[in-house]
Amino acid sequence: MGVALLPLADEFRFHVEILDVDSDPELIARYGSNLPVLLHGDEELCHYFLEPVKIRDYLDKLC
């Protein structure tokens, strides 16, 4: 998902931070099998795979 997100990050000029959920028991408990997951703050935008149209709509609303 991180690689698939890079074109949107370039277009909308945001930074992608990738966290290793497996190294944090709290994150494992929170997200379980819903990985990978894409968050903006505490808001879950998508999981399992990137939904570019949904993310683009979300980013358009922020700008």
Protein backbone atom coordinates (compact mmCIF):
# COMPACT_ATOMS: atom_id res chain seq x y z
CA MET A 1 0.00 0.00 0.00
CA GLY A 2 2.89 2.34 0.75
CA VAL A 3 4.26 2.14 -2.78
CA ALA A 4 0.78 2.52 -4.30
CA LEU A 5 0.28 5.67 -2.20
CA LEU A 6 3.44 7.44 -3.46
CA PRO A 7 1.88 9.02 -6.59
CA LEU A 8 -0.85 10.60 -4.45
CA ALA A 9 1.75 11.73 -1.91
CA ASP A 10 3.69 13.44 -4.69
CA GLU A 11 0.57 15.04 -6.17
CA PHE A 12 -0.87 16.28 -2.87
CA ARG A 13 2.53 16.86 -1.25
CA PHE A 14 2.19 14.87 1.93
CA HIS A 15 4.58 12.61 3.81
CA VAL A 16 3.90 8.91 4.23
CA GLU A 17 5.01 7.35 7.50
CA ILE A 18 5.15 3.57 7.52
CA LEU A 19 4.90 1.88 10.91
CA ASP A 20 5.76 -1.72 11.72
CA VAL A 21 2.56 -2.85 13.42
CA ASP A 22 4.12 -6.21 14.30
CA SER A 23 6.59 -4.49 16.64
CA ASP A 24 3.90 -2.78 18.73
CA PRO A 25 1.44 -4.88 20.77
CA GLU A 26 -0.99 -1.96 21.04
CA LEU A 27 -1.16 -1.60 17.25
CA ILE A 28 -1.54 -5.36 16.83
CA ALA A 29 -4.49 -5.30 19.25
CA ARG A 30 -6.03 -2.28 17.50
CA TYR A 31 -5.73 -3.37 13.86
CA GLY A 32 -5.36 -7.15 14.10
CA SER A 33 -5.81 -8.62 10.64
CA ASN A 34 -6.91 -5.32 9.03
CA LEU A 35 -3.43 -4.80 7.61
CA PRO A 36 -2.14 -2.92 5.87
CA VAL A 37 -4.14 0.05 7.07
CA LEU A 38 -4.02 3.67 5.94
CA LEU A 39 -4.68 6.33 8.55
CA HIS A 40 -4.85 10.09 8.64
CA GLY A 41 -4.48 10.90 12.29
CA ASP A 42 -6.87 8.52 14.01
CA GLU A 43 -9.15 8.20 10.99
CA GLU A 44 -8.94 4.90 9.13
CA LEU A 45 -9.15 5.60 5.41
CA CYS A 46 -8.77 2.09 4.04
CA HIS A 47 -7.30 -1.29 4.82
CA TYR A 48 -6.07 -4.36 2.91
CA PHE A 49 -5.54 -2.33 -0.28
CA LEU A 50 -5.39 1.30 -1.37
CA GLU A 51 -8.62 2.79 -2.70
CA PRO A 52 -7.23 5.67 -4.81
CA VAL A 53 -10.58 7.27 -5.68
CA LYS A 54 -11.65 7.28 -2.03
CA ILE A 55 -8.28 8.73 -0.93
CA ARG A 56 -8.32 11.36 -3.69
CA ASP A 57 -11.84 12.46 -2.64
CA TYR A 58 -10.69 12.63 0.99
CA LEU A 59 -7.62 14.70 0.09
CA ASP A 60 -9.63 17.04 -2.14
CA LYS A 61 -11.88 17.83 0.84
CA LEU A 62 -8.84 18.69 2.97
CA CYS A 63 -7.41 21.15 0.43
